[in-house]
C-alpha atoms as a PDB file:
ATOM      1  CA  MET A   1      46.203  42.402  76.660  1.00  0.00           C
ATOM      2  CA  ARG A   2      48.225  44.052  79.428  1.00  0.00           C
ATOM      3  CA  PRO A   3      46.036  46.263  81.702  1.00  0.00           C
ATOM      4  CA  VAL A   4      46.821  49.970  81.283  1.00  0.00           C
ATOM      5  CA  PHE A   5      47.373  50.429  85.025  1.00  0.00           C
ATOM      6  CA  ARG A   6      50.364  48.077  84.829  1.00  0.00           C
ATOM      7  CA  SER A   7      52.115  50.317  82.289  1.00  0.00           C
ATOM      8  CA  LEU A   8      55.063  52.463  83.391  1.00  0.00           C
ATOM      9  CA  LEU A   9      53.909  55.156  80.964  1.00  0.00           C
ATOM     10  CA  PHE A  10      50.474  55.287  82.596  1.00  0.00           C
ATOM     11  CA  TRP A  11      51.914  55.714  86.085  1.00  0.00           C
ATOM     12  CA  LEU A  12      54.402  58.340  84.878  1.00  0.00           C
ATOM     13  CA  VAL A  13      51.623  60.487  83.406  1.00  0.00           C
ATOM     14  CA  PHE A  14      49.181  59.832  86.265  1.00  0.00           C
ATOM     15  CA  THR A  15      51.563  60.535  89.159  1.00  0.00           C
ATOM     16  CA  SER A  16      53.184  63.531  87.450  1.00  0.00           C
ATOM     17  CA  ALA A  17      49.798  65.062  86.623  1.00  0.00           C
ATOM     18  CA  LEU A  18      48.615  64.490  90.208  1.00  0.00           C
ATOM     19  CA  ALA A  19      51.759  66.129  91.604  1.00  0.00           C
ATOM     20  CA  TYR A  20      51.474  69.048  89.191  1.00  0.00           C
ATOM     21  CA  LEU A  21      47.749  69.695  89.759  1.00  0.00           C
ATOM     22  CA  TRP A  22      47.701  69.076  93.518  1.00  0.00           C
ATOM     23  CA  PRO A  23      45.706  71.943  95.152  1.00  0.00           C
ATOM     24  CA  VAL A  24      48.326  72.989  97.686  1.00  0.00           C
ATOM     25  CA  GLN A  25      46.646  76.251  98.668  1.00  0.00           C
ATOM     26  CA  GLN A  26      43.239  74.667  99.238  1.00  0.00           C
ATOM     27  CA  LEU A  27      44.496  71.654 101.204  1.00  0.00           C
ATOM     28  CA  ALA A  28      47.417  73.417 102.922  1.00  0.00           C
ATOM     29  CA  PHE A  29      49.722  70.416 102.603  1.00  0.00           C
ATOM     30  CA  ASP A  30      51.758  68.806  99.851  1.00  0.00           C
ATOM     31  CA  PRO A  31      52.386  65.024 100.026  1.00  0.00           C
ATOM     32  CA  PHE A  32      54.618  65.137  96.934  1.00  0.00           C
ATOM     33  CA  THR A  33      57.304  67.460  98.266  1.00  0.00           C
ATOM     34  CA  PRO A  34      59.537  66.350 101.154  1.00  0.00           C
ATOM     35  CA  PRO A  35      60.505  68.934 103.790  1.00  0.00           C
ATOM     36  CA  ALA A  36      63.060  71.368 102.399  1.00  0.00           C
ATOM     37  CA  SER A  37      65.592  70.352 105.036  1.00  0.00           C
ATOM     38  CA  ILE A  38      65.786  66.762 103.760  1.00  0.00           C
ATOM     39  CA  LYS A  39      64.586  67.009 100.147  1.00  0.00           C
ATOM     40  CA  THR A  40      68.025  66.965  98.512  1.00  0.00           C
ATOM     41  CA  GLU A  41      69.335  64.078 100.589  1.00  0.00           C
ATOM     42  CA  PHE A  42      66.057  62.195 100.128  1.00  0.00           C
ATOM     43  CA  ILE A  43      66.421  62.408  96.340  1.00  0.00           C
ATOM     44  CA  TRP A  44      70.055  61.237  96.526  1.00  0.00           C
ATOM     45  CA  THR A  45      68.881  58.285  98.638  1.00  0.00           C
ATOM     46  CA  LEU A  46      66.266  57.355  96.041  1.00  0.00           C
ATOM     47  CA  VAL A  47      68.940  57.482  93.334  1.00  0.00           C
ATOM     48  CA  ALA A  48      71.136  55.090  95.331  1.00  0.00           C
ATOM     49  CA  VAL A  49      68.232  52.689  95.920  1.00  0.00           C
ATOM     50  CA  ALA A  50      67.333  52.602  92.224  1.00  0.00           C
ATOM     51  CA  MET A  51      70.934  51.961  91.209  1.00  0.00           C
ATOM     52  CA  PHE A  52      71.306  49.132  93.746  1.00  0.00           C
ATOM     53  CA  PHE A  53      68.367  47.248  92.279  1.00  0.00           C
ATOM     54  CA  LEU A  54      69.553  47.921  88.730  1.00  0.00           C
ATOM     55  CA  GLY A  55      72.909  46.460  89.764  1.00  0.00           C
ATOM     56  CA  THR A  56      71.181  43.201  90.639  1.00  0.00           C
ATOM     57  CA  LEU A  57      70.004  42.980  87.008  1.00  0.00           C
ATOM     58  CA  VAL A  58      73.475  43.298  85.468  1.00  0.00           C
ATOM     59  CA  ARG A  59      74.626  39.981  83.992  1.00  0.00           C
ATOM     60  CA  ARG A  60      78.268  38.960  84.031  1.00  0.00           C
ATOM     61  CA  ASP A  61      78.181  38.161  80.314  1.00  0.00           C
ATOM     62  CA  GLU A  62      77.194  41.786  79.637  1.00  0.00           C
ATOM     63  CA  LEU A  63      80.446  42.984  81.193  1.00  0.00           C
ATOM     64  CA  ILE A  64      82.760  40.852  79.061  1.00  0.00           C
ATOM     65  CA  PRO A  65      82.301  42.829  75.804  1.00  0.00           C
ATOM     66  CA  LEU A  66      82.702  46.134  77.699  1.00  0.00           C
ATOM     67  CA  PHE A  67      86.040  45.052  79.138  1.00  0.00           C
ATOM     68  CA  GLN A  68      87.191  43.713  75.782  1.00  0.00           C
ATOM     69  CA  ARG A  69      85.857  46.698  73.835  1.00  0.00           C
ATOM     70  CA  PRO A  70      86.168  49.784  76.076  1.00  0.00           C
ATOM     71  CA  TRP A  71      85.892  51.937  72.971  1.00  0.00           C
ATOM     72  CA  TRP A  72      82.157  51.185  73.040  1.00  0.00           C
ATOM     73  CA  VAL A  73      81.914  53.261  76.221  1.00  0.00           C
ATOM     74  CA  GLY A  74      84.231  55.925  74.839  1.00  0.00           C
ATOM     75  CA  LEU A  75      82.150  56.162  71.677  1.00  0.00           C
ATOM     76  CA  GLY A  76      78.932  56.563  73.632  1.00  0.00           C
ATOM     77  CA  VAL A  77      80.304  59.239  75.961  1.00  0.00           C
ATOM     78  CA  LEU A  78      81.887  61.120  73.062  1.00  0.00           C
ATOM     79  CA  THR A  79      78.603  61.050  71.143  1.00  0.00           C
ATOM     80  CA  GLN A  80      76.733  62.523  74.088  1.00  0.00           C
ATOM     81  CA  VAL A  81      79.332  65.159  74.946  1.00  0.00           C
ATOM     82  CA  LEU A  82      79.624  66.369  71.348  1.00  0.00           C
ATOM     83  CA  VAL A  83      76.119  65.970  69.942  1.00  0.00           C
ATOM     84  CA  MET A  84      73.846  67.242  72.719  1.00  0.00           C
ATOM     85  CA  PRO A  85      75.595  70.580  73.457  1.00  0.00           C
ATOM     86  CA  ALA A  86      75.901  71.294  69.724  1.00  0.00           C
ATOM     87  CA  VAL A  87      72.218  70.537  69.127  1.00  0.00           C
ATOM     88  CA  ALA A  88      71.123  72.637  72.118  1.00  0.00           C
ATOM     89  CA  TRP A  89      73.255  75.565  70.981  1.00  0.00           C
ATOM     90  CA  GLY A  90      71.953  75.230  67.431  1.00  0.00           C
ATOM     91  CA  VAL A  91      68.340  75.218  68.616  1.00  0.00           C
ATOM     92  CA  THR A  92      68.860  78.486  70.517  1.00  0.00           C
ATOM     93  CA  ARG A  93      70.254  80.035  67.336  1.00  0.00           C
ATOM     94  CA  VAL A  94      67.321  78.912  65.197  1.00  0.00           C
ATOM     95  CA  ILE A  95      64.413  79.385  67.630  1.00  0.00           C
ATOM     96  CA  PRO A  96      64.112  82.881  69.166  1.00  0.00           C
ATOM     97  CA  MET A  97      63.822  82.896  72.971  1.00  0.00           C
ATOM     98  CA  GLU A  98      64.749  85.011  75.962  1.00  0.00           C
ATOM     99  CA  ARG A  99      68.384  85.068  77.020  1.00  0.00           C
ATOM    100  CA  ASP A 100      67.850  83.196  80.316  1.00  0.00           C
ATOM    101  CA  LEU A 101      65.670  80.579  78.634  1.00  0.00           C
ATOM    102  CA  ALA A 102      68.347  80.070  75.992  1.00  0.00           C
ATOM    103  CA  ALA A 103      70.925  79.632  78.750  1.00  0.00           C
ATOM    104  CA  GLY A 104      68.728  76.956  80.336  1.00  0.00           C
ATOM    105  CA  VAL A 105      68.328  75.152  77.015  1.00  0.00           C
ATOM    106  CA  ILE A 106      72.106  75.111  76.549  1.00  0.00           C
ATOM    107  CA  LEU A 107      72.489  73.750  80.094  1.00  0.00           C
ATOM    108  CA  VAL A 108      70.129  70.907  79.156  1.00  0.00           C
ATOM    109  CA  GLY A 109      72.498  69.902  76.379  1.00  0.00           C
ATOM    110  CA  CYS A 110      75.625  70.118  78.541  1.00  0.00           C
ATOM    111  CA  VAL A 111      74.761  67.838  81.488  1.00  0.00           C
ATOM    112  CA  PRO A 112      75.003  64.136  80.495  1.00  0.00           C
ATOM    113  CA  GLY A 113      74.491  61.172  82.788  1.00  0.00           C
ATOM    114  CA  ALA A 114      70.778  60.768  83.500  1.00  0.00           C
ATOM    115  CA  MET A 115      70.092  57.944  85.966  1.00  0.00           C
ATOM    116  CA  ALA A 116      66.628  57.571  84.422  1.00  0.00           C
ATOM    117  CA  SER A 117      68.189  56.149  81.263  1.00  0.00           C
ATOM    118  CA  ASN A 118      69.486  53.176  83.265  1.00  0.00           C
ATOM    119  CA  VAL A 119      65.998  52.318  84.522  1.00  0.00           C
ATOM    120  CA  LEU A 120      64.421  52.729  81.095  1.00  0.00           C
ATOM    121  CA  THR A 121      67.153  50.625  79.483  1.00  0.00           C
ATOM    122  CA  SER A 122      66.047  47.823  81.784  1.00  0.00           C
ATOM    123  CA  THR A 123      62.444  48.385  80.679  1.00  0.00           C
ATOM    124  CA  ALA A 124      63.534  48.394  77.023  1.00  0.00           C
ATOM    125  CA  ARG A 125      65.417  45.094  77.521  1.00  0.00           C
ATOM    126  CA  GLY A 126      68.684  46.758  76.604  1.00  0.00           C
ATOM    127  CA  SER A 127      72.119  46.338  78.147  1.00  0.00           C
ATOM    128  CA  VAL A 128      71.905  47.687  81.691  1.00  0.00           C
ATOM    129  CA  ALA A 129      75.658  47.172  82.112  1.00  0.00           C
ATOM    130  CA  TYR A 130      76.407  49.349  79.079  1.00  0.00           C
ATOM    131  CA  SER A 131      73.918  52.004  80.172  1.00  0.00           C
ATOM    132  CA  VAL A 132      75.366  52.200  83.686  1.00  0.00           C
ATOM    133  CA  SER A 133      78.895  52.323  82.237  1.00  0.00           C
ATOM    134  CA  LEU A 134      77.973  55.276  80.029  1.00  0.00           C
ATOM    135  CA  THR A 135      76.243  57.115  82.881  1.00  0.00           C
ATOM    136  CA  SER A 136      79.123  56.483  85.273  1.00  0.00           C
ATOM    137  CA  VAL A 137      81.874  57.612  82.907  1.00  0.00           C
ATOM    138  CA  SER A 138      80.015  60.684  81.623  1.00  0.00           C
ATOM    139  CA  THR A 139      79.148  61.729  85.186  1.00  0.00           C
ATOM    140  CA  LEU A 140      82.712  61.205  86.403  1.00  0.00           C
ATOM    141  CA  LEU A 141      83.955  63.363  83.532  1.00  0.00           C
ATOM    142  CA  SER A 142      81.264  66.041  83.930  1.00  0.00           C
ATOM    143  CA  PRO A 143      83.306  68.278  86.295  1.00  0.00           C
ATOM    144  CA  LEU A 144      85.688  68.649  83.349  1.00  0.00           C
ATOM    145  CA  THR A 145      83.405  68.372  80.329  1.00  0.00           C
ATOM    146  CA  VAL A 146      80.464  70.508  81.508  1.00  0.00           C
ATOM    147  CA  PRO A 147      82.474  73.662  82.372  1.00  0.00           C
ATOM    148  CA  LEU A 148      84.497  73.281  79.161  1.00  0.00           C
ATOM    149  CA  VAL A 149      81.433  72.831  76.958  1.00  0.00           C
ATOM    150  CA  LEU A 150      79.594  75.685  78.704  1.00  0.00           C
ATOM    151  CA  TRP A 151      82.577  77.944  78.157  1.00  0.00           C
ATOM    152  CA  ILE A 152      82.765  76.987  74.471  1.00  0.00           C
ATOM    153  CA  VAL A 153      79.067  77.301  73.588  1.00  0.00           C
ATOM    154  CA  ALA A 154      77.890  79.937  76.068  1.00  0.00           C
ATOM    155  CA  GLY A 155      80.929  81.617  77.584  1.00  0.00           C
ATOM    156  CA  ALA A 156      79.667  80.657  81.060  1.00  0.00           C
ATOM    157  CA  GLU A 157      81.888  80.041  84.059  1.00  0.00           C
ATOM    158  CA  THR A 158      80.938  77.403  86.603  1.00  0.00           C
ATOM    159  CA  GLU A 159      81.713  77.099  90.289  1.00  0.00           C
ATOM    160  CA  GLN A 160      83.278  74.280  92.281  1.00  0.00           C
ATOM    161  CA  SER A 161      79.814  73.111  93.398  1.00  0.00           C
ATOM    162  CA  LEU A 162      79.476  71.397  90.015  1.00  0.00           C
ATOM    163  CA  ALA A 163      82.479  69.216  90.770  1.00  0.00           C
ATOM    164  CA  TRP A 164      81.010  68.230  94.147  1.00  0.00           C
ATOM    165  CA  SER A 165      77.552  67.516  92.709  1.00  0.00           C
ATOM    166  CA  SER A 166      79.036  65.412  89.906  1.00  0.00           C
ATOM    167  CA  LEU A 167      81.303  63.505  92.293  1.00  0.00           C
ATOM    168  CA  ARG A 168      78.419  62.709  94.630  1.00  0.00           C
ATOM    169  CA  LEU A 169      76.233  61.583  91.722  1.00  0.00           C
ATOM    170  CA  SER A 170      79.076  59.404  90.443  1.00  0.00           C
ATOM    171  CA  VAL A 171      79.379  57.667  93.813  1.00  0.00           C
ATOM    172  CA  LEU A 172      75.620  57.150  94.000  1.00  0.00           C
ATOM    173  CA  VAL A 173      75.562  55.656  90.504  1.00  0.00           C
ATOM    174  CA  VAL A 174      78.657  53.450  90.646  1.00  0.00           C
ATOM    175  CA  LEU A 175      78.846  52.175  94.232  1.00  0.00           C
ATOM    176  CA  PRO A 176      75.229  50.945  94.685  1.00  0.00           C
ATOM    177  CA  THR A 177      75.386  49.282  91.268  1.00  0.00           C
ATOM    178  CA  ILE A 178      78.525  47.374  92.230  1.00  0.00           C
ATOM    179  CA  VAL A 179      77.001  46.364  95.575  1.00  0.00           C
ATOM    180  CA  GLY A 180      73.800  45.131  93.900  1.00  0.00           C
ATOM    181  CA  PHE A 181      75.753  43.175  91.293  1.00  0.00           C
ATOM    182  CA  THR A 182      77.978  41.621  93.978  1.00  0.00           C
ATOM    183  CA  VAL A 183      75.046  40.632  96.208  1.00  0.00           C
ATOM    184  CA  CYS A 184      73.410  38.761  93.320  1.00  0.00           C
ATOM    185  CA  ARG A 185      76.652  36.981  92.460  1.00  0.00           C
ATOM    186  CA  ILE A 186      77.267  35.868  96.056  1.00  0.00           C
ATOM    187  CA  TRP A 187      73.672  35.079  97.013  1.00  0.00           C
ATOM    188  CA  LYS A 188      72.347  32.912  94.183  1.00  0.00           C
ATOM    189  CA  ARG A 189      68.750  32.912  95.460  1.00  0.00           C
ATOM    190  CA  CYS A 190      68.724  36.681  94.976  1.00  0.00           C
ATOM    191  CA  GLN A 191      68.962  36.280  91.207  1.00  0.00           C
ATOM    192  CA  GLY A 192      65.476  34.857  90.723  1.00  0.00           C
ATOM    193  CA  TRP A 193      63.966  37.435  93.066  1.00  0.00           C
ATOM    194  CA  ALA A 194      65.804  40.247  91.282  1.00  0.00           C
ATOM    195  CA  GLN A 195      64.487  39.217  87.861  1.00  0.00           C
ATOM    196  CA  VAL A 196      60.932  39.597  89.159  1.00  0.00           C
ATOM    197  CA  TRP A 197      61.157  42.617  91.451  1.00  0.00           C
ATOM    198  CA  SER A 198      64.276  44.712  90.841  1.00  0.00           C
ATOM    199  CA  SER A 199      63.080  46.425  87.685  1.00  0.00           C
ATOM    200  CA  ARG A 200      59.728  47.217  89.312  1.00  0.00           C
ATOM    201  CA  ILE A 201      61.328  48.678  92.432  1.00  0.00           C
ATOM    202  CA  ALA A 202      63.722  50.761  90.334  1.00  0.00           C
ATOM    203  CA  SER A 203      60.806  52.033  88.242  1.00  0.00           C
ATOM    204  CA  VAL A 204      58.776  53.019  91.323  1.00  0.00           C
ATOM    205  CA  THR A 205      61.804  54.791  92.767  1.00  0.00           C
ATOM    206  CA  LEU A 206      62.341  56.692  89.518  1.00  0.00           C
ATOM    207  CA  LEU A 207      58.663  57.726  89.414  1.00  0.00           C
ATOM    208  CA  TRP A 208      59.047  58.986  92.974  1.00  0.00           C
ATOM    209  CA  ILE A 209      61.993  61.171  91.945  1.00  0.00           C
ATOM    210  CA  ILE A 210      60.107  62.562  88.932  1.00  0.00           C
ATOM    211  CA  VAL A 211      57.083  63.363  91.113  1.00  0.00           C
ATOM    212  CA  ILE A 212      59.291  65.323  93.523  1.00  0.00           C
ATOM    213  CA  VAL A 213      60.877  67.238  90.634  1.00  0.00           C
ATOM    214  CA  VAL A 214      57.463  68.065  89.133  1.00  0.00           C
ATOM    215  CA  ALA A 215      55.961  69.112  92.466  1.00  0.00           C
ATOM    216  CA  SER A 216      58.979  71.250  93.310  1.00  0.00           C
ATOM    217  CA  ASN A 217      58.836  73.058  89.962  1.00  0.00           C
ATOM    218  CA  ARG A 218      55.100  73.679  89.501  1.00  0.00           C
ATOM    219  CA  ALA A 219      55.582  77.412  89.012  1.00  0.00           C
ATOM    220  CA  ASN A 220      58.376  76.919  86.463  1.00  0.00           C
ATOM    221  CA  LEU A 221      56.482  74.268  84.527  1.00  0.00           C
ATOM    222  CA  MET A 222      53.464  76.580  84.263  1.00  0.00           C
ATOM    223  CA  ASN A 223      55.643  78.971  82.269  1.00  0.00           C
ATOM    224  CA  VAL A 224      56.640  76.451  79.606  1.00  0.00           C
ATOM    225  CA  GLY A 225      55.379  77.820  76.298  1.00  0.00           C
ATOM    226  CA  LEU A 226      54.772  75.910  73.081  1.00  0.00           C
ATOM    227  CA  VAL A 227      57.926  77.260  71.421  1.00  0.00           C
ATOM    228  CA  LEU A 228      60.130  76.205  74.338  1.00  0.00           C
ATOM    229  CA  ALA A 229      58.431  72.801  74.519  1.00  0.00           C
ATOM    230  CA  MET A 230      59.055  72.219  70.814  1.00  0.00           C
ATOM    231  CA  ALA A 231      62.698  73.287  71.187  1.00  0.00           C
ATOM    232  CA  LEU A 232      63.258  70.821  74.022  1.00  0.00           C
ATOM    233  CA  LEU A 233      61.463  68.044  72.145  1.00  0.00           C
ATOM    234  CA  LEU A 234      63.650  68.677  69.109  1.00  0.00           C
ATOM    235  CA  ILE A 235      66.820  68.335  71.219  1.00  0.00           C
ATOM    236  CA  ASN A 236      65.477  65.151  72.776  1.00  0.00           C
ATOM    237  CA  VAL A 237      64.522  63.491  69.487  1.00  0.00           C
ATOM    238  CA  ILE A 238      67.788  64.412  67.772  1.00  0.00           C
ATOM    239  CA  GLY A 239      69.622  62.903  70.741  1.00  0.00           C
ATOM    240  CA  TYR A 240      67.745  59.613  70.346  1.00  0.00           C
ATOM    241  CA  LEU A 241      68.426  59.567  66.605  1.00  0.00           C
ATOM    242  CA  ALA A 242      72.129  60.306  67.125  1.00  0.00           C
ATOM    243  CA  GLY A 243      72.484  57.452  69.608  1.00  0.00           C
ATOM    244  CA  TRP A 244      70.641  55.006  67.365  1.00  0.00           C
ATOM    245  CA  ILE A 245      72.565  55.995  64.216  1.00  0.00           C
ATOM    246  CA  VAL A 246      75.988  55.957  65.898  1.00  0.00           C
ATOM    247  CA  GLY A 247      75.196  52.564  67.440  1.00  0.00           C
ATOM    248  CA  GLY A 248      74.236  51.244  64.019  1.00  0.00           C
ATOM    249  CA  VAL A 249      77.320  52.632  62.262  1.00  0.00           C
ATOM    250  CA  ALA A 250      79.545  51.135  64.994  1.00  0.00           C
ATOM    251  CA  ASN A 251      77.721  47.797  64.617  1.00  0.00           C
ATOM    252  CA  LEU A 252      76.895  47.572  68.316  1.00  0.00           C
ATOM    253  CA  PRO A 253      74.654  44.715  69.501  1.00  0.00           C
ATOM    254  CA  GLU A 254      70.996  45.696  69.660  1.00  0.00           C
ATOM    255  CA  ALA A 255      71.024  45.633  73.465  1.00  0.00           C
ATOM    256  CA  CYS A 256      73.838  48.220  73.530  1.00  0.00           C
ATOM    257  CA  ARG A 257      72.271  50.227  70.718  1.00  0.00           C
ATOM    258  CA  ARG A 258      69.066  50.645  72.713  1.00  0.00           C
ATOM    259  CA  ALA A 259      71.063  51.685  75.764  1.00  0.00           C
ATOM    260  CA  LEU A 260      73.059  54.235  73.758  1.00  0.00           C
ATOM    261  CA  THR A 261      69.909  55.694  72.209  1.00  0.00           C
ATOM    262  CA  LEU A 262      68.323  56.337  75.600  1.00  0.00           C
ATOM    263  CA  GLU A 263      71.584  57.536  77.159  1.00  0.00           C
ATOM    264  CA  VAL A 264      72.277  60.189  74.520  1.00  0.00           C
ATOM    265  CA  GLY A 265      68.720  61.526  74.372  1.00  0.00           C
ATOM    266  CA  MET A 266      68.195  61.719  78.133  1.00  0.00           C
ATOM    267  CA  GLN A 267      70.144  64.341  80.088  1.00  0.00           C
ATOM    268  CA  ASN A 268      70.793  64.951  83.784  1.00  0.00           C
ATOM    269  CA  ALA A 269      68.462  67.939  83.869  1.00  0.00           C
ATOM    270  CA  GLY A 270      68.354  67.750  87.680  1.00  0.00           C
ATOM    271  CA  LEU A 271      72.044  68.667  87.767  1.00  0.00           C
ATOM    272  CA  GLY A 272      71.266  71.264  85.114  1.00  0.00           C
ATOM    273  CA  THR A 273      68.683  72.869  87.402  1.00  0.00           C
ATOM    274  CA  ALA A 274      71.161  73.031  90.271  1.00  0.00           C
ATOM    275  CA  LEU A 275      73.782  74.507  87.962  1.00  0.00           C
ATOM    276  CA  ALA A 276      71.303  77.091  86.641  1.00  0.00           C
ATOM    277  CA  LEU A 277      70.649  78.280  90.188  1.00  0.00           C
ATOM    278  CA  THR A 278      74.401  78.423  90.857  1.00  0.00           C
ATOM    279  CA  LEU A 279      75.198  80.381  87.708  1.00  0.00           C
ATOM    280  CA  TYR A 280      72.199  82.653  87.288  1.00  0.00           C
ATOM    281  CA  GLY A 281      70.571  83.025  90.730  1.00  0.00           C
ATOM    282  CA  GLU A 282      67.366  81.931  92.453  1.00  0.00           C
ATOM    283  CA  ASP A 283      65.004  83.932  90.218  1.00  0.00           C
ATOM    284  CA  THR A 284      66.471  82.913  86.867  1.00  0.00           C
ATOM    285  CA  LEU A 285      64.278  81.669  84.024  1.00  0.00           C
ATOM    286  CA  ALA A 286      67.042  79.200  83.142  1.00  0.00           C
ATOM    287  CA  THR A 287      65.502  76.626  85.481  1.00  0.00           C
ATOM    288  CA  ILE A 288      62.353  76.427  83.337  1.00  0.00           C
ATOM    289  CA  PRO A 289      63.955  74.440  80.448  1.00  0.00           C
ATOM    290  CA  THR A 290      65.852  72.137  82.817  1.00  0.00           C
ATOM    291  CA  ALA A 291      62.740  71.352  84.885  1.00  0.00           C
ATOM    292  CA  ALA A 292      60.632  70.809  81.761  1.00  0.00           C
ATOM    293  CA  TYR A 293      63.248  68.562  80.158  1.00  0.00           C
ATOM    294  CA  THR A 294      63.388  66.386  83.283  1.00  0.00           C
ATOM    295  CA  PHE A 295      59.759  65.380  82.766  1.00  0.00           C
ATOM    296  CA  GLY A 296      59.771  65.594  78.964  1.00  0.00           C
ATOM    297  CA  CYS A 297      62.704  63.254  78.337  1.00  0.00           C
ATOM    298  CA  MET A 298      61.303  60.838  80.897  1.00  0.00           C
ATOM    299  CA  LEU A 299      57.982  60.821  79.033  1.00  0.00           C
ATOM    300  CA  THR A 300      59.498  60.270  75.588  1.00  0.00           C
ATOM    301  CA  GLY A 301      62.052  57.805  76.958  1.00  0.00           C
ATOM    302  CA  THR A 302      59.298  55.789  78.611  1.00  0.00           C
ATOM    303  CA  ILE A 303      57.295  55.710  75.380  1.00  0.00           C
ATOM    304  CA  LEU A 304      60.384  54.511  73.499  1.00  0.00           C
ATOM    305  CA  ALA A 305      61.312  51.905  76.125  1.00  0.00           C
ATOM    306  CA  VAL A 306      57.774  50.542  76.397  1.00  0.00           C
ATOM    307  CA  GLY A 307      57.597  50.366  72.592  1.00  0.00           C
ATOM    308  CA  TRP A 308      60.742  48.234  72.497  1.00  0.00           C
ATOM    309  CA  GLN A 309      59.406  46.101  75.339  1.00  0.00           C
ATOM    310  CA  LYS A 310      56.157  45.455  73.460  1.00  0.00           C
ATOM    311  CA  GLN A 311      57.940  44.178  70.372  1.00  0.00           C
ATOM    312  CA  GLY A 312      57.632  40.804  72.046  1.00  0.00           C
ATOM    313  CA  LYS A 313      61.264  39.751  71.872  1.00  0.00           C
ATOM    314  CA  CYS A 314      63.857  39.950  74.580  1.00  0.00           C
ATOM    315  CA  VAL A 315      67.439  40.904  73.868  1.00  0.00           C
ATOM    316  CA  GLU A 316      69.142  37.613  74.556  1.00  0.00           C
ATOM    317  CA  GLU A 317      72.740  36.874  75.407  1.00  0.00           C
ATOM    318  CA  THR A 318      73.196  35.665  71.832  1.00  0.00           C
ATOM    319  CA  ASP A 319      72.919  39.298  70.712  1.00  0.00           C
ATOM    320  CA  MET A 320      76.277  39.882  72.393  1.00  0.00           C
ATOM    321  CA  PRO A 321      79.411  39.028  70.397  1.00  0.00           C
ATOM    322  CA  ILE A 322      81.026  37.180  73.307  1.00  0.00           C
ATOM    323  CA  ALA A 323      79.821  33.848  74.576  1.00  0.00           C
ATOM    324  CA  ALA A 324      77.929  34.039  77.848  1.00  0.00           C
ATOM    325  CA  ALA A 325      80.020  33.510  80.932  1.00  0.00           C
ATOM    326  CA  GLU A 326      78.975  30.887  83.414  1.00  0.00           C
ATOM    327  CA  ASP A 327      77.856  32.080  86.820  1.00  0.00           C
END
C-alpha cells in the first residue's frame, strides 16, 4: 500500500493547512509569503517552471489526433466558456448572497484556463497535450471571452489589465511547454528522466503556488461561510460533470475525456482575484469566492485525479484513435 505521505492529496491538505494556520503575529515572520515586491513575478516564474516540466511529458503521438481533429479543442473551450459562466450565474440566482460575493462567484465562472488542470491531468494519466491545448487556447481567447461573458451575465466592464494578464499567462503556458517538449525530443536521455521526475517537480511547484495563494488570502478565506462554500462546490462539480458528459457524447478517448473533465471544472481563480481587485477595489468581498475556489477546485481536482490514478490502469497510446508516431 502506498504510504500516505507520498500522496499529492496529503501534501496539498498539509501544506495548505500549515500556510493557513501559520501564527504570523506570534512568530513575526511568514515563510509562505514572498516579499510583496517580488511575489507576483515569483508566482509567474513557478507557473513557467511547472509548464516546462509538463512539456517534457507530452508525447508526439498525443499531438497527432489534435492536429487532425482540432474540433476537439474547440469543443472543450466552447464547453468551458458556455457552461461555467452560466452555472455560476445560475447559482447566484438560486442561492442568496451579498452583491459583492455574487460578483466574485460570477468571476469564478468566467475565467477559464487553470494551469493546475494540466498538472492534475498528468497525475490522472490523461492527455497532457490535450489539457495544455485547452488551457492555451482558452487563455489566449480570455481577453475577448471574459469581458464579453462578464458583460452578458453581470453587466461588468473590464479594463485593459485583463488583456495584459491573459497575454502574459498565455506566454507562460505555451512557450515553456514547447521548450520542454523540444528538449525531450532533441535530448533522448531526457525522456527517461522526465518520466520519473517531471510530474513530481510540476506537482511540487503547483503546491508551492497554492500555498502562496492560501497564505496571501488568510483573511479572505476566514470569511468563507458554509453557503458560499456549497455554492462554489456546486459550480465545481457541475463543471466536472459537464466535461465528462460532453467528452462521452463526443466519443473522445478516455485520456482526453479525463483532461476535459478537469479543464472545465477547474478555473483560473488567480486571474479572477486580480480581476476582482481591478473591477471592485482593494476592499471588495469579491476576492473571497475567487480565493476560496483556488484552493477548493485544487482539492477536488486532486481527489479526482488521484482516484483515476489508483484505478491501476494507465491510459495507453492504444486509447488514441491514431497509431503512435515513432520518435
